[in-house]
Amino acid sequence: MPAKAAQYADAPEALVISLASRGDRDAFTDLVRRRQPWLRNLMRRLCDDAHLADDLAQGIFLKAWRGIRRLKDPDRFGGWLKQIAVRDWIDHQRKHRGHWDTNYDDEIQAAPVQKTTTGIDLDAALATLPDPVRLCIVLSYQEGLSHPEIAKLTGIPDGTVKSHIRRGSEKLRNLLSAYGDET
């Protein structure tokens, strides 16, 4: 780690964000080091494809670097980065799937489940959910966002967010029932 980057390792994040917003590349590099595990995990849960998730995370950090000068309040960096990530993922889904439909009138279709003694891991179960449902579930349970926060971040109506979380949670409980009380 370069000497300048090492000095940021113990610095408060707000200071590092302020320095990065003034064009300090070493400060931004430290922000990437700090936030990369969280962002990669979020994207992996949304994508169910580690390579795609890593590519998207890299692109998100690039967008953040290009736009960080517009960030006025360093305390909002986490939410701002999350917003870039969610919108980037939605844009990717629209581009590669040709649609982004947040409304599902039918019950979520159950995917065939292989029940073995090793069970089904959460990522595999999440991958069976439609994209908007998976997004709402991940933002609610992994990121701890409220329904109104998810609605604002994703542009999905609040009632639809609630429905996606309820129905998606039911499906996950069913898919992961082999785990018993662990889920």
N, C-alpha and C. Protein backbone atom coordinates (compact mmCIF):
# COMPACT_ATOMS: atom_id res chain seq x y z
N MET A 1 0.85 -1.18 0.00
CA MET A 1 0.00 0.00 0.00
C MET A 1 0.90 1.24 0.00
N PRO A 2 0.69 2.18 -0.93
CA PRO A 2 1.49 3.40 -0.96
C PRO A 2 1.36 4.17 0.36
N ALA A 3 2.39 4.95 0.69
CA ALA A 3 2.42 5.66 1.97
C ALA A 3 1.20 6.54 2.15
N LYS A 4 0.82 7.27 1.09
CA LYS A 4 -0.34 8.18 1.20
C LYS A 4 -1.63 7.39 1.44
N ALA A 5 -1.77 6.27 0.74
CA ALA A 5 -2.96 5.43 0.93
C ALA A 5 -2.99 4.84 2.33
N ALA A 6 -1.83 4.48 2.86
CA ALA A 6 -1.76 3.91 4.20
C ALA A 6 -2.22 4.91 5.25
N GLN A 7 -1.94 6.18 5.03
CA GLN A 7 -2.35 7.18 6.01
C GLN A 7 -3.87 7.32 6.07
N TYR A 8 -4.57 6.99 4.98
CA TYR A 8 -6.03 7.08 4.97
C TYR A 8 -6.69 5.90 5.68
N ALA A 9 -5.96 4.83 5.86
CA ALA A 9 -6.54 3.61 6.43
C ALA A 9 -7.18 3.86 7.79
N ASP A 10 -6.60 4.75 8.59
CA ASP A 10 -7.14 5.03 9.92
C ASP A 10 -7.95 6.32 9.98
N ALA A 11 -8.05 7.01 8.87
CA ALA A 11 -8.77 8.29 8.84
C ALA A 11 -10.27 8.05 8.86
N PRO A 12 -11.02 8.96 9.46
CA PRO A 12 -12.49 8.85 9.42
C PRO A 12 -12.98 8.88 7.98
N GLU A 13 -14.00 8.09 7.70
CA GLU A 13 -14.48 7.99 6.32
C GLU A 13 -14.95 9.33 5.77
N ALA A 14 -15.57 10.15 6.59
CA ALA A 14 -16.04 11.46 6.11
C ALA A 14 -14.89 12.30 5.59
N LEU A 15 -13.75 12.25 6.26
CA LEU A 15 -12.57 12.99 5.80
C LEU A 15 -12.07 12.42 4.47
N VAL A 16 -12.02 11.11 4.36
CA VAL A 16 -11.55 10.47 3.13
C VAL A 16 -12.49 10.81 1.97
N ILE A 17 -13.80 10.83 2.24
CA ILE A 17 -14.77 11.18 1.21
C ILE A 17 -14.58 12.63 0.77
N SER A 18 -14.36 13.52 1.73
CA SER A 18 -14.12 14.93 1.39
C SER A 18 -12.89 15.09 0.52
N LEU A 19 -11.84 14.38 0.85
CA LEU A 19 -10.61 14.45 0.05
C LEU A 19 -10.84 13.88 -1.35
N ALA A 20 -11.55 12.76 -1.40
CA ALA A 20 -11.84 12.15 -2.71
C ALA A 20 -12.70 13.08 -3.56
N SER A 21 -13.63 13.78 -2.94
CA SER A 21 -14.50 14.69 -3.71
C SER A 21 -13.74 15.90 -4.23
N ARG A 22 -12.54 16.11 -3.71
CA ARG A 22 -11.67 17.19 -4.22
C ARG A 22 -10.67 16.65 -5.24
N GLY A 23 -10.83 15.39 -5.64
CA GLY A 23 -9.99 14.83 -6.68
C GLY A 23 -8.82 13.98 -6.21
N ASP A 24 -8.74 13.70 -4.91
CA ASP A 24 -7.64 12.90 -4.38
C ASP A 24 -7.87 11.42 -4.72
N ARG A 25 -7.11 10.90 -5.67
CA ARG A 25 -7.26 9.52 -6.13
C ARG A 25 -6.93 8.51 -5.03
N ASP A 26 -5.92 8.80 -4.22
CA ASP A 26 -5.56 7.88 -3.14
C ASP A 26 -6.70 7.77 -2.12
N ALA A 27 -7.36 8.88 -1.86
CA ALA A 27 -8.49 8.85 -0.94
C ALA A 27 -9.62 8.00 -1.52
N PHE A 28 -9.87 8.17 -2.82
CA PHE A 28 -10.93 7.36 -3.44
C PHE A 28 -10.54 5.88 -3.45
N THR A 29 -9.28 5.59 -3.69
CA THR A 29 -8.80 4.21 -3.65
C THR A 29 -9.08 3.60 -2.28
N ASP A 30 -8.90 4.39 -1.23
CA ASP A 30 -9.20 3.90 0.10
C ASP A 30 -10.70 3.67 0.28
N LEU A 31 -11.52 4.53 -0.28
CA LEU A 31 -12.98 4.32 -0.22
C LEU A 31 -13.37 3.02 -0.91
N VAL A 32 -12.75 2.74 -2.05
CA VAL A 32 -13.01 1.49 -2.75
C VAL A 32 -12.62 0.32 -1.86
N ARG A 33 -11.45 0.40 -1.24
CA ARG A 33 -10.99 -0.67 -0.34
C ARG A 33 -12.00 -0.89 0.79
N ARG A 34 -12.53 0.19 1.33
CA ARG A 34 -13.47 0.11 2.46
C ARG A 34 -14.83 -0.45 2.03
N ARG A 35 -15.30 -0.02 0.89
CA ARG A 35 -16.68 -0.33 0.47
C ARG A 35 -16.80 -1.50 -0.50
N GLN A 36 -15.70 -1.95 -1.07
CA GLN A 36 -15.75 -3.00 -2.07
C GLN A 36 -16.39 -4.29 -1.57
N PRO A 37 -16.05 -4.81 -0.39
CA PRO A 37 -16.70 -6.06 0.04
C PRO A 37 -18.23 -5.94 0.13
N TRP A 38 -18.69 -4.83 0.68
CA TRP A 38 -20.14 -4.62 0.79
C TRP A 38 -20.78 -4.56 -0.60
N LEU A 39 -20.19 -3.76 -1.51
CA LEU A 39 -20.78 -3.58 -2.84
C LEU A 39 -20.76 -4.89 -3.63
N ARG A 40 -19.65 -5.60 -3.59
CA ARG A 40 -19.58 -6.87 -4.32
C ARG A 40 -20.61 -7.86 -3.77
N ASN A 41 -20.78 -7.91 -2.47
CA ASN A 41 -21.77 -8.81 -1.87
C ASN A 41 -23.18 -8.43 -2.32
N LEU A 42 -23.51 -7.14 -2.30
CA LEU A 42 -24.82 -6.68 -2.76
C LEU A 42 -25.05 -7.09 -4.20
N MET A 43 -24.09 -6.83 -5.06
CA MET A 43 -24.26 -7.14 -6.47
C MET A 43 -24.33 -8.65 -6.71
N ARG A 44 -23.58 -9.42 -5.95
CA ARG A 44 -23.65 -10.88 -6.11
C ARG A 44 -25.01 -11.42 -5.72
N ARG A 45 -25.60 -10.85 -4.69
CA ARG A 45 -26.94 -11.28 -4.31
C ARG A 45 -27.96 -10.92 -5.38
N LEU A 46 -27.78 -9.78 -6.01
CA LEU A 46 -28.72 -9.36 -7.04
C LEU A 46 -28.51 -10.11 -8.35
N CYS A 47 -27.27 -10.42 -8.69
CA CYS A 47 -26.96 -10.99 -10.01
C CYS A 47 -26.97 -12.51 -10.06
N ASP A 48 -26.60 -13.16 -9.00
CA ASP A 48 -26.39 -14.60 -9.00
C ASP A 48 -25.34 -14.99 -10.05
N ASP A 49 -24.39 -14.11 -10.26
CA ASP A 49 -23.29 -14.36 -11.19
C ASP A 49 -22.12 -13.54 -10.68
N ALA A 50 -21.15 -14.20 -10.09
CA ALA A 50 -20.04 -13.51 -9.44
C ALA A 50 -19.25 -12.64 -10.41
N HIS A 51 -19.02 -13.12 -11.62
CA HIS A 51 -18.25 -12.33 -12.59
C HIS A 51 -19.00 -11.08 -13.00
N LEU A 52 -20.30 -11.23 -13.27
CA LEU A 52 -21.11 -10.06 -13.63
C LEU A 52 -21.16 -9.09 -12.45
N ALA A 53 -21.34 -9.61 -11.25
CA ALA A 53 -21.40 -8.75 -10.07
C ALA A 53 -20.11 -7.95 -9.91
N ASP A 54 -18.98 -8.59 -10.10
CA ASP A 54 -17.70 -7.90 -9.99
C ASP A 54 -17.55 -6.84 -11.08
N ASP A 55 -17.98 -7.17 -12.29
CA ASP A 55 -17.92 -6.19 -13.38
C ASP A 55 -18.81 -4.99 -13.08
N LEU A 56 -20.02 -5.26 -12.61
CA LEU A 56 -20.93 -4.17 -12.27
C LEU A 56 -20.37 -3.32 -11.13
N ALA A 57 -19.80 -3.97 -10.11
CA ALA A 57 -19.22 -3.23 -8.98
C ALA A 57 -18.11 -2.31 -9.47
N GLN A 58 -17.27 -2.81 -10.35
CA GLN A 58 -16.19 -1.99 -10.89
C GLN A 58 -16.76 -0.77 -11.63
N GLY A 59 -17.78 -1.00 -12.43
CA GLY A 59 -18.42 0.10 -13.14
C GLY A 59 -19.07 1.11 -12.21
N ILE A 60 -19.64 0.61 -11.12
CA ILE A 60 -20.28 1.49 -10.14
C ILE A 60 -19.24 2.38 -9.48
N PHE A 61 -18.10 1.80 -9.12
CA PHE A 61 -17.04 2.62 -8.53
C PHE A 61 -16.53 3.66 -9.53
N LEU A 62 -16.46 3.30 -10.79
CA LEU A 62 -16.04 4.26 -11.81
C LEU A 62 -17.05 5.41 -11.89
N LYS A 63 -18.34 5.10 -11.88
CA LYS A 63 -19.37 6.14 -11.89
C LYS A 63 -19.27 7.00 -10.64
N ALA A 64 -18.99 6.36 -9.51
CA ALA A 64 -18.86 7.11 -8.26
C ALA A 64 -17.67 8.07 -8.34
N TRP A 65 -16.55 7.62 -8.88
CA TRP A 65 -15.38 8.48 -9.02
C TRP A 65 -15.70 9.69 -9.90
N ARG A 66 -16.41 9.42 -11.00
CA ARG A 66 -16.76 10.51 -11.92
C ARG A 66 -17.74 11.50 -11.30
N GLY A 67 -18.56 11.04 -10.36
CA GLY A 67 -19.60 11.91 -9.81
C GLY A 67 -19.38 12.38 -8.39
N ILE A 68 -18.31 11.95 -7.75
CA ILE A 68 -18.14 12.25 -6.33
C ILE A 68 -18.00 13.75 -6.06
N ARG A 69 -17.55 14.50 -7.03
CA ARG A 69 -17.41 15.95 -6.83
C ARG A 69 -18.77 16.62 -6.59
N ARG A 70 -19.84 15.97 -7.06
CA ARG A 70 -21.19 16.53 -6.87
C ARG A 70 -21.79 16.15 -5.52
N LEU A 71 -21.15 15.25 -4.79
CA LEU A 71 -21.65 14.84 -3.48
C LEU A 71 -21.33 15.93 -2.47
N LYS A 72 -22.34 16.56 -1.92
CA LYS A 72 -22.13 17.69 -1.01
C LYS A 72 -21.93 17.27 0.44
N ASP A 73 -22.57 16.19 0.85
CA ASP A 73 -22.51 15.76 2.25
C ASP A 73 -21.83 14.40 2.35
N PRO A 74 -20.63 14.34 2.90
CA PRO A 74 -19.91 13.06 3.01
C PRO A 74 -20.68 11.98 3.77
N ASP A 75 -21.57 12.40 4.67
CA ASP A 75 -22.35 11.41 5.43
C ASP A 75 -23.36 10.67 4.56
N ARG A 76 -23.60 11.16 3.38
CA ARG A 76 -24.56 10.52 2.46
C ARG A 76 -23.89 9.61 1.44
N PHE A 77 -22.59 9.40 1.59
CA PHE A 77 -21.85 8.61 0.61
C PHE A 77 -22.41 7.19 0.47
N GLY A 78 -22.67 6.52 1.59
CA GLY A 78 -23.17 5.14 1.53
C GLY A 78 -24.48 5.03 0.78
N GLY A 79 -25.41 5.90 1.08
CA GLY A 79 -26.70 5.90 0.39
C GLY A 79 -26.57 6.28 -1.07
N TRP A 80 -25.69 7.22 -1.34
CA TRP A 80 -25.44 7.66 -2.70
C TRP A 80 -24.85 6.52 -3.53
N LEU A 81 -23.88 5.80 -2.96
CA LEU A 81 -23.27 4.67 -3.65
C LEU A 81 -24.30 3.54 -3.86
N LYS A 82 -25.14 3.31 -2.86
CA LYS A 82 -26.19 2.29 -2.98
C LYS A 82 -27.15 2.67 -4.10
N GLN A 83 -27.48 3.96 -4.21
CA GLN A 83 -28.38 4.41 -5.26
C GLN A 83 -27.77 4.17 -6.64
N ILE A 84 -26.50 4.47 -6.78
CA ILE A 84 -25.82 4.21 -8.06
C ILE A 84 -25.87 2.71 -8.37
N ALA A 85 -25.61 1.89 -7.36
CA ALA A 85 -25.58 0.43 -7.55
C ALA A 85 -26.95 -0.10 -7.99
N VAL A 86 -28.00 0.31 -7.31
CA VAL A 86 -29.34 -0.19 -7.62
C VAL A 86 -29.76 0.26 -9.02
N ARG A 87 -29.54 1.51 -9.31
CA ARG A 87 -29.93 2.01 -10.64
C ARG A 87 -29.11 1.36 -11.75
N ASP A 88 -27.84 1.12 -11.48
CA ASP A 88 -26.99 0.47 -12.46
C ASP A 88 -27.47 -0.96 -12.71
N TRP A 89 -27.84 -1.67 -11.65
CA TRP A 89 -28.33 -3.03 -11.81
C TRP A 89 -29.65 -3.05 -12.58
N ILE A 90 -30.56 -2.14 -12.24
CA ILE A 90 -31.83 -2.06 -12.96
C ILE A 90 -31.58 -1.76 -14.43
N ASP A 91 -30.69 -0.81 -14.71
CA ASP A 91 -30.37 -0.49 -16.11
C ASP A 91 -29.78 -1.70 -16.83
N HIS A 92 -28.93 -2.44 -16.16
CA HIS A 92 -28.35 -3.65 -16.76
C HIS A 92 -29.44 -4.66 -17.08
N GLN A 93 -30.38 -4.85 -16.16
CA GLN A 93 -31.47 -5.81 -16.39
C GLN A 93 -32.33 -5.36 -17.57
N ARG A 94 -32.62 -4.08 -17.64
CA ARG A 94 -33.42 -3.58 -18.76
C ARG A 94 -32.70 -3.82 -20.08
N LYS A 95 -31.42 -3.53 -20.10
CA LYS A 95 -30.64 -3.64 -21.33
C LYS A 95 -30.53 -5.09 -21.78
N HIS A 96 -30.30 -6.01 -20.85
CA HIS A 96 -30.02 -7.40 -21.23
C HIS A 96 -31.25 -8.30 -21.21
N ARG A 97 -32.29 -7.87 -20.54
CA ARG A 97 -33.51 -8.68 -20.54
C ARG A 97 -34.62 -8.02 -21.34
N GLY A 98 -34.40 -6.79 -21.72
CA GLY A 98 -35.35 -6.09 -22.57
C GLY A 98 -36.55 -5.53 -21.84
N HIS A 99 -36.62 -5.69 -20.55
CA HIS A 99 -37.77 -5.18 -19.79
C HIS A 99 -37.40 -5.03 -18.33
N TRP A 100 -38.25 -4.33 -17.64
CA TRP A 100 -38.17 -4.20 -16.18
C TRP A 100 -39.59 -4.04 -15.69
N ASP A 101 -40.26 -5.15 -15.51
CA ASP A 101 -41.66 -5.15 -15.10
C ASP A 101 -41.73 -5.40 -13.61
N THR A 102 -42.23 -4.42 -12.87
CA THR A 102 -42.29 -4.55 -11.41
C THR A 102 -43.61 -5.12 -10.93
N ASN A 103 -44.55 -5.35 -11.83
CA ASN A 103 -45.86 -5.85 -11.43
C ASN A 103 -46.02 -7.32 -11.79
N TYR A 104 -46.45 -8.09 -10.83
CA TYR A 104 -46.70 -9.51 -11.04
C TYR A 104 -48.08 -9.81 -10.51
N ASP A 105 -49.01 -10.11 -11.42
CA ASP A 105 -50.37 -10.43 -11.01
C ASP A 105 -50.48 -11.86 -10.52
N ASP A 106 -49.72 -12.75 -11.13
CA ASP A 106 -49.76 -14.15 -10.73
C ASP A 106 -48.82 -14.37 -9.56
N GLU A 107 -49.07 -15.42 -8.85
CA GLU A 107 -48.13 -15.79 -7.79
C GLU A 107 -46.79 -16.09 -8.41
N ILE A 108 -45.75 -15.85 -7.67
CA ILE A 108 -44.41 -16.15 -8.15
C ILE A 108 -44.33 -17.65 -8.39
N GLN A 109 -43.89 -18.00 -9.57
CA GLN A 109 -43.82 -19.41 -9.93
C GLN A 109 -42.73 -20.10 -9.13
N ALA A 110 -43.07 -21.25 -8.60
CA ALA A 110 -42.07 -22.02 -7.87
C ALA A 110 -41.14 -22.69 -8.86
N ALA A 111 -39.87 -22.56 -8.60
CA ALA A 111 -38.88 -23.22 -9.45
C ALA A 111 -38.66 -24.62 -8.92
N PRO A 112 -38.26 -25.53 -9.78
CA PRO A 112 -37.96 -26.87 -9.29
C PRO A 112 -36.84 -26.79 -8.25
N VAL A 113 -37.02 -27.50 -7.18
CA VAL A 113 -36.09 -27.44 -6.08
C VAL A 113 -35.48 -28.81 -5.86
N GLN A 114 -34.18 -28.84 -5.78
CA GLN A 114 -33.50 -30.09 -5.47
C GLN A 114 -33.30 -30.12 -3.96
N LYS A 115 -34.03 -31.01 -3.28
CA LYS A 115 -33.91 -31.11 -1.84
C LYS A 115 -32.90 -32.21 -1.52
N THR A 116 -31.80 -31.81 -1.00
CA THR A 116 -30.77 -32.76 -0.61
C THR A 116 -30.41 -32.51 0.83
N THR A 117 -29.57 -33.37 1.37
CA THR A 117 -29.18 -33.18 2.76
C THR A 117 -28.36 -31.93 2.95
N THR A 118 -27.73 -31.44 1.88
CA THR A 118 -26.97 -30.20 1.99
C THR A 118 -27.85 -28.97 1.88
N GLY A 119 -29.12 -29.16 1.43
CA GLY A 119 -30.06 -28.05 1.33
C GLY A 119 -29.78 -27.13 0.15
N ILE A 120 -30.45 -26.02 0.18
CA ILE A 120 -30.35 -25.02 -0.88
C ILE A 120 -29.79 -23.76 -0.26
N ASP A 121 -28.78 -23.22 -0.85
CA ASP A 121 -28.24 -22.00 -0.24
C ASP A 121 -29.07 -20.79 -0.63
N LEU A 122 -28.89 -19.75 0.13
CA LEU A 122 -29.70 -18.56 -0.06
C LEU A 122 -29.53 -17.95 -1.44
N ASP A 123 -28.33 -17.90 -1.95
CA ASP A 123 -28.13 -17.30 -3.27
C ASP A 123 -28.87 -18.05 -4.36
N ALA A 124 -28.88 -19.37 -4.28
CA ALA A 124 -29.61 -20.15 -5.27
C ALA A 124 -31.11 -19.89 -5.15
N ALA A 125 -31.59 -19.78 -3.93
CA ALA A 125 -33.02 -19.50 -3.72
C ALA A 125 -33.36 -18.10 -4.22
N LEU A 126 -32.50 -17.12 -3.93
CA LEU A 126 -32.74 -15.76 -4.42
C LEU A 126 -32.78 -15.72 -5.94
N ALA A 127 -31.95 -16.52 -6.58
CA ALA A 127 -31.88 -16.52 -8.04
C ALA A 127 -33.18 -16.98 -8.68
N THR A 128 -34.04 -17.66 -7.94
CA THR A 128 -35.31 -18.12 -8.51
C THR A 128 -36.36 -17.02 -8.52
N LEU A 129 -36.10 -15.93 -7.83
CA LEU A 129 -37.07 -14.83 -7.75
C LEU A 129 -36.95 -13.93 -8.97
N PRO A 130 -38.07 -13.36 -9.42
CA PRO A 130 -37.99 -12.35 -10.49
C PRO A 130 -37.11 -11.18 -10.02
N ASP A 131 -36.45 -10.52 -10.96
CA ASP A 131 -35.49 -9.47 -10.62
C ASP A 131 -36.02 -8.41 -9.65
N PRO A 132 -37.19 -7.81 -9.89
CA PRO A 132 -37.66 -6.77 -8.96
C PRO A 132 -37.94 -7.32 -7.55
N VAL A 133 -38.42 -8.54 -7.48
CA VAL A 133 -38.69 -9.16 -6.19
C VAL A 133 -37.38 -9.39 -5.45
N ARG A 134 -36.40 -9.94 -6.15
CA ARG A 134 -35.08 -10.18 -5.54
C ARG A 134 -34.48 -8.86 -5.06
N LEU A 135 -34.59 -7.81 -5.86
CA LEU A 135 -34.07 -6.51 -5.48
C LEU A 135 -34.71 -6.02 -4.18
N CYS A 136 -36.02 -6.11 -4.08
CA CYS A 136 -36.72 -5.67 -2.86
C CYS A 136 -36.31 -6.51 -1.65
N ILE A 137 -36.20 -7.82 -1.83
CA ILE A 137 -35.80 -8.70 -0.73
C ILE A 137 -34.39 -8.36 -0.25
N VAL A 138 -33.46 -8.21 -1.17
CA VAL A 138 -32.07 -7.93 -0.80
C VAL A 138 -31.97 -6.57 -0.11
N LEU A 139 -32.64 -5.56 -0.65
CA LEU A 139 -32.57 -4.24 -0.04
C LEU A 139 -33.23 -4.22 1.34
N SER A 140 -34.26 -5.02 1.53
CA SER A 140 -34.93 -5.07 2.83
C SER A 140 -34.13 -5.86 3.85
N TYR A 141 -33.81 -7.10 3.52
CA TYR A 141 -33.19 -7.98 4.51
C TYR A 141 -31.68 -7.81 4.61
N GLN A 142 -30.99 -7.60 3.51
CA GLN A 142 -29.54 -7.46 3.57
C GLN A 142 -29.13 -6.03 3.91
N GLU A 143 -29.81 -5.06 3.30
CA GLU A 143 -29.42 -3.67 3.48
C GLU A 143 -30.20 -2.97 4.60
N GLY A 144 -31.28 -3.60 5.07
CA GLY A 144 -32.05 -3.03 6.18
C GLY A 144 -32.86 -1.80 5.83
N LEU A 145 -33.22 -1.65 4.55
CA LEU A 145 -34.01 -0.49 4.14
C LEU A 145 -35.49 -0.72 4.43
N SER A 146 -36.18 0.36 4.72
CA SER A 146 -37.63 0.29 4.93
C SER A 146 -38.33 0.23 3.58
N HIS A 147 -39.61 -0.10 3.60
CA HIS A 147 -40.38 -0.16 2.35
C HIS A 147 -40.37 1.20 1.63
N PRO A 148 -40.62 2.32 2.34
CA PRO A 148 -40.57 3.61 1.64
C PRO A 148 -39.17 3.93 1.08
N GLU A 149 -38.13 3.54 1.78
CA GLU A 149 -36.77 3.78 1.28
C GLU A 149 -36.52 2.98 0.01
N ILE A 150 -36.99 1.73 -0.01
CA ILE A 150 -36.83 0.89 -1.20
C ILE A 150 -37.62 1.49 -2.36
N ALA A 151 -38.84 1.93 -2.08
CA ALA A 151 -39.67 2.53 -3.13
C ALA A 151 -38.98 3.76 -3.73
N LYS A 152 -38.43 4.59 -2.88
CA LYS A 152 -37.75 5.81 -3.36
C LYS A 152 -36.50 5.46 -4.16
N LEU A 153 -35.74 4.50 -3.68
CA LEU A 153 -34.49 4.13 -4.32
C LEU A 153 -34.70 3.45 -5.67
N THR A 154 -35.73 2.62 -5.77
CA THR A 154 -35.93 1.82 -6.98
C THR A 154 -36.95 2.38 -7.95
N GLY A 155 -37.82 3.28 -7.47
CA GLY A 155 -38.90 3.77 -8.31
C GLY A 155 -40.08 2.82 -8.38
N ILE A 156 -40.04 1.75 -7.58
CA ILE A 156 -41.15 0.80 -7.50
C ILE A 156 -42.16 1.34 -6.49
N PRO A 157 -43.46 1.36 -6.79
CA PRO A 157 -44.44 1.87 -5.84
C PRO A 157 -44.38 1.13 -4.49
N ASP A 158 -44.66 1.86 -3.42
CA ASP A 158 -44.56 1.32 -2.07
C ASP A 158 -45.38 0.05 -1.88
N GLY A 159 -46.62 0.04 -2.37
CA GLY A 159 -47.47 -1.15 -2.23
C GLY A 159 -46.89 -2.35 -2.96
N THR A 160 -46.26 -2.10 -4.10
CA THR A 160 -45.64 -3.18 -4.86
C THR A 160 -44.41 -3.70 -4.13
N VAL A 161 -43.65 -2.80 -3.51
CA VAL A 161 -42.49 -3.21 -2.71
C VAL A 161 -42.95 -4.15 -1.60
N LYS A 162 -44.00 -3.76 -0.89
CA LYS A 162 -44.53 -4.59 0.20
C LYS A 162 -44.96 -5.96 -0.31
N SER A 163 -45.65 -5.97 -1.44
CA SER A 163 -46.11 -7.23 -2.02
C SER A 163 -44.93 -8.10 -2.44
N HIS A 164 -43.94 -7.50 -3.07
CA HIS A 164 -42.75 -8.26 -3.49
C HIS A 164 -42.05 -8.88 -2.28
N ILE A 165 -41.92 -8.12 -1.22
CA ILE A 165 -41.22 -8.63 -0.03
C ILE A 165 -42.04 -9.75 0.61
N ARG A 166 -43.34 -9.56 0.72
CA ARG A 166 -44.18 -10.60 1.33
C ARG A 166 -44.16 -11.88 0.51
N ARG A 167 -44.42 -11.76 -0.78
CA ARG A 167 -44.48 -12.96 -1.62
C ARG A 167 -43.11 -13.59 -1.82
N GLY A 168 -42.09 -12.75 -1.98
CA GLY A 168 -40.74 -13.28 -2.12
C GLY A 168 -40.26 -13.98 -0.86
N SER A 169 -40.59 -13.41 0.29
CA SER A 169 -40.21 -14.03 1.57
C SER A 169 -40.89 -15.39 1.74
N GLU A 170 -42.17 -15.45 1.35
CA GLU A 170 -42.89 -16.73 1.43
C GLU A 170 -42.21 -17.78 0.56
N LYS A 171 -41.84 -17.38 -0.65
CA LYS A 171 -41.20 -18.34 -1.55
C LYS A 171 -39.86 -18.78 -0.98
N LEU A 172 -39.08 -17.84 -0.47
CA LEU A 172 -37.79 -18.20 0.11
C LEU A 172 -37.96 -19.15 1.30
N ARG A 173 -38.95 -18.87 2.14
CA ARG A 173 -39.21 -19.78 3.28
C ARG A 173 -39.52 -21.19 2.78
N ASN A 174 -40.32 -21.28 1.73
CA ASN A 174 -40.65 -22.59 1.18
C ASN A 174 -39.43 -23.27 0.58
N LEU A 175 -38.66 -22.52 -0.19
CA LEU A 175 -37.48 -23.10 -0.83
C LEU A 175 -36.42 -23.52 0.18
N LEU A 176 -36.34 -22.80 1.26
CA LEU A 176 -35.30 -23.06 2.25
C LEU A 176 -35.82 -23.85 3.45
N SER A 177 -36.99 -24.43 3.31
CA SER A 177 -37.59 -25.16 4.44
C SER A 177 -36.74 -26.34 4.90
N ALA A 178 -35.87 -26.85 4.02
CA ALA A 178 -34.99 -27.95 4.41
C ALA A 178 -34.04 -27.54 5.52
N TYR A 179 -33.81 -26.23 5.67
CA TYR A 179 -32.95 -25.75 6.73
C TYR A 179 -33.65 -25.70 8.08
N GLY A 180 -34.96 -25.82 8.10
CA GLY A 180 -35.71 -25.77 9.35
C GLY A 180 -35.69 -24.39 9.94
N ASP A 181 -35.44 -24.30 11.23
CA ASP A 181 -35.47 -23.03 11.94
C ASP A 181 -34.29 -22.12 11.62
N GLU A 182 -33.29 -22.62 10.91
CA GLU A 182 -32.13 -21.79 10.56
C GLU A 182 -32.52 -20.62 9.67
N THR A 183 -33.60 -20.73 8.87
CA THR A 183 -33.97 -19.66 7.99
C THR A 183 -34.79 -18.66 8.74
